[in-house]
Amino acid sequence: MIGRRAGWPADRMLVALDIDGTVLHESGVVSDGVAEEVARLVREGHEVMLATGRSVASTLPVLDQLGIAPEYCVCSNGAITVRRDASAPMGYRREYVETFDPTSVLTTVRAHLLDARYAVEDETGFYRYTGSSRRARSGSRRST
């Protein structure tokens, strides 16, 4: 059974798309076929949004590539949901943020992968890397 939100037209769908390997090729390009289908869905009145493991900073440019501005986007594997807000600096504001302390997970994993490096994205979009106190803005390629 499909639940309907009050006031949501019965013939309107919410289409949530992943980014990597679904919307974007490995090269970072949106194929013409994907762009055409997304545009068709929007023209038909459906809401097309992104739901991805990517950070907010690396998700929003994909919206631009697709030419869409959905009400919501789900980022960071569901840890952050942003909502469209014209007054926000990037056009979206954080609506929901789920945080947790990764210490116990990282401690457990590190005991088995002694030479591995780790990065954790915090709720503000900064990555914290092992072996360094430096922080990089989400989407950055800086490593330590």
Protein backbone atom coordinates (compact mmCIF):
# COMPACT_ATOMS: atom_id res chain seq x y z
CA MET A 1 0.00 0.00 0.00
CA ILE A 2 1.30 3.46 -0.87
CA GLY A 3 0.65 6.20 1.64
CA ARG A 4 -0.43 9.60 0.36
CA ARG A 5 0.25 12.95 1.96
CA ALA A 6 -2.83 15.11 2.38
CA GLY A 7 -3.07 17.50 -0.54
CA TRP A 8 -0.57 15.54 -2.67
CA PRO A 9 -2.14 14.79 -6.07
CA ALA A 10 -2.79 11.07 -6.61
CA ASP A 11 -1.07 11.14 -10.01
CA ARG A 12 2.10 12.87 -8.76
CA MET A 13 5.15 10.78 -7.81
CA LEU A 14 8.23 11.43 -5.73
CA VAL A 15 11.24 10.04 -7.59
CA ALA A 16 14.40 9.73 -5.48
CA LEU A 17 17.60 9.09 -7.40
CA ASP A 18 21.05 8.06 -6.23
CA ILE A 19 23.95 9.94 -7.81
CA ASP A 20 27.06 7.81 -8.30
CA GLY A 21 26.54 5.10 -10.89
CA THR A 22 22.88 6.04 -11.31
CA VAL A 23 22.60 9.69 -12.35
CA LEU A 24 26.32 10.26 -13.01
CA HIS A 25 28.75 8.12 -14.94
CA GLU A 26 32.13 7.46 -13.33
CA SER A 27 33.42 10.42 -15.33
CA GLY A 28 31.00 12.73 -13.48
CA VAL A 29 28.88 13.31 -16.56
CA VAL A 30 25.09 13.11 -16.71
CA SER A 31 24.11 11.22 -19.86
CA ASP A 32 21.69 12.80 -22.30
CA GLY A 33 19.23 9.98 -21.63
CA VAL A 34 19.20 10.58 -17.87
CA ALA A 35 18.87 14.35 -18.32
CA GLU A 36 15.97 13.87 -20.75
CA GLU A 37 14.10 11.50 -18.43
CA VAL A 38 14.56 13.75 -15.40
CA ALA A 39 13.29 16.71 -17.44
CA ARG A 40 10.31 14.65 -18.66
CA LEU A 41 9.36 13.67 -15.10
CA VAL A 42 9.56 17.28 -13.93
CA ARG A 43 7.48 18.48 -16.92
CA GLU A 44 4.85 15.88 -16.01
CA GLY A 45 4.64 17.39 -12.51
CA HIS A 46 6.58 14.79 -10.54
CA GLU A 47 9.05 15.72 -7.80
CA VAL A 48 12.57 14.46 -8.61
CA MET A 49 15.06 14.57 -5.76
CA LEU A 50 18.43 13.09 -4.87
CA ALA A 51 19.11 10.61 -2.07
CA THR A 52 22.81 9.87 -1.80
CA GLY A 53 25.78 9.03 0.35
CA ARG A 54 27.44 12.22 -0.85
CA SER A 55 27.88 15.27 1.34
CA VAL A 56 25.65 18.30 0.88
CA ALA A 57 28.48 20.23 -0.81
CA SER A 58 28.97 17.54 -3.45
CA THR A 59 25.23 16.89 -3.93
CA LEU A 60 24.01 20.41 -4.70
CA PRO A 61 26.09 20.82 -7.91
CA VAL A 62 24.41 17.69 -9.28
CA LEU A 63 21.02 19.38 -8.85
CA ASP A 64 22.35 22.14 -11.09
CA GLN A 65 23.59 19.62 -13.66
CA LEU A 66 20.11 18.05 -13.74
CA GLY A 67 18.36 21.41 -13.77
CA ILE A 68 16.15 20.56 -10.79
CA ALA A 69 15.39 22.27 -7.48
CA PRO A 70 13.48 19.75 -5.37
CA GLU A 71 11.98 20.65 -2.00
CA TYR A 72 14.31 18.19 -0.23
CA CYS A 73 17.55 16.25 -0.76
CA VAL A 74 18.83 13.43 1.40
CA CYS A 75 22.61 13.45 1.82
CA SER A 76 25.33 11.63 3.75
CA ASN A 77 23.47 8.30 3.60
CA GLY A 78 20.45 9.80 5.33
CA ALA A 79 22.32 11.64 8.07
CA ILE A 80 21.51 15.05 6.57
CA THR A 81 18.31 16.21 4.89
CA VAL A 82 18.30 19.66 3.33
CA ARG A 83 15.28 21.72 2.37
CA ARG A 84 15.09 24.33 -0.38
CA ASP A 85 15.37 27.83 1.06
CA ALA A 86 15.97 30.80 -1.23
CA SER A 87 17.46 32.79 1.66
CA ALA A 88 20.11 30.14 2.43
CA PRO A 89 23.61 30.75 1.00
CA MET A 90 23.53 27.68 -1.28
CA GLY A 91 19.75 27.66 -1.77
CA TYR A 92 19.19 24.87 0.77
CA ARG A 93 19.25 24.72 4.56
CA ARG A 94 19.76 21.75 6.85
CA GLU A 95 16.35 20.45 7.87
CA TYR A 96 17.49 17.31 9.69
CA VAL A 97 20.93 16.27 10.94
CA GLU A 98 21.66 12.94 12.60
CA THR A 99 24.94 12.92 14.49
CA PHE A 100 26.77 10.21 16.40
CA ASP A 101 30.12 9.64 18.04
CA PRO A 102 32.11 7.29 15.75
CA THR A 103 34.82 6.59 18.34
CA SER A 104 33.77 3.03 19.21
CA VAL A 105 33.39 2.01 15.55
CA LEU A 106 36.70 3.51 14.53
CA THR A 107 38.48 1.98 17.54
CA THR A 108 37.11 -1.46 16.67
CA VAL A 109 37.96 -1.21 12.98
CA ARG A 110 41.40 0.24 13.61
CA ALA A 111 42.35 -2.78 15.74
CA HIS A 112 42.00 -4.90 12.57
CA LEU A 113 43.27 -2.44 9.95
CA LEU A 114 46.35 -0.95 11.54
CA ASP A 115 47.66 0.86 8.44
CA ALA A 116 44.32 2.21 7.23
CA ARG A 117 43.43 5.89 7.14
CA TYR A 118 39.98 7.17 8.03
CA ALA A 119 37.88 10.20 7.30
CA VAL A 120 34.68 11.19 9.07
CA GLU A 121 32.39 13.96 7.89
CA ASP A 122 30.97 16.09 10.68
CA GLU A 123 27.56 17.78 10.66
CA THR A 124 29.00 21.02 9.26
CA GLY A 125 30.47 19.36 6.18
CA PHE A 126 34.07 19.09 7.33
CA TYR A 127 36.06 15.89 7.03
CA ARG A 128 38.33 14.87 9.87
CA TYR A 129 41.23 12.69 8.80
CA THR A 130 43.35 10.29 10.81
CA GLY A 131 46.94 11.33 11.28
CA SER A 132 46.17 15.03 11.13
CA SER A 133 44.35 17.76 12.98
CA ARG A 134 43.66 19.52 9.65
CA ARG A 135 40.12 19.65 8.42
CA ALA A 136 38.88 19.90 4.84
CA ARG A 137 35.55 21.14 3.56
CA SER A 138 33.36 18.38 2.17
CA GLY A 139 34.04 17.75 -1.49
CA SER A 140 37.71 18.60 -1.07
CA ARG A 141 40.31 16.14 -2.30
CA ARG A 142 42.82 17.02 0.42
CA SER A 143 44.27 14.01 2.19
CA THR A 144 46.86 13.65 4.89
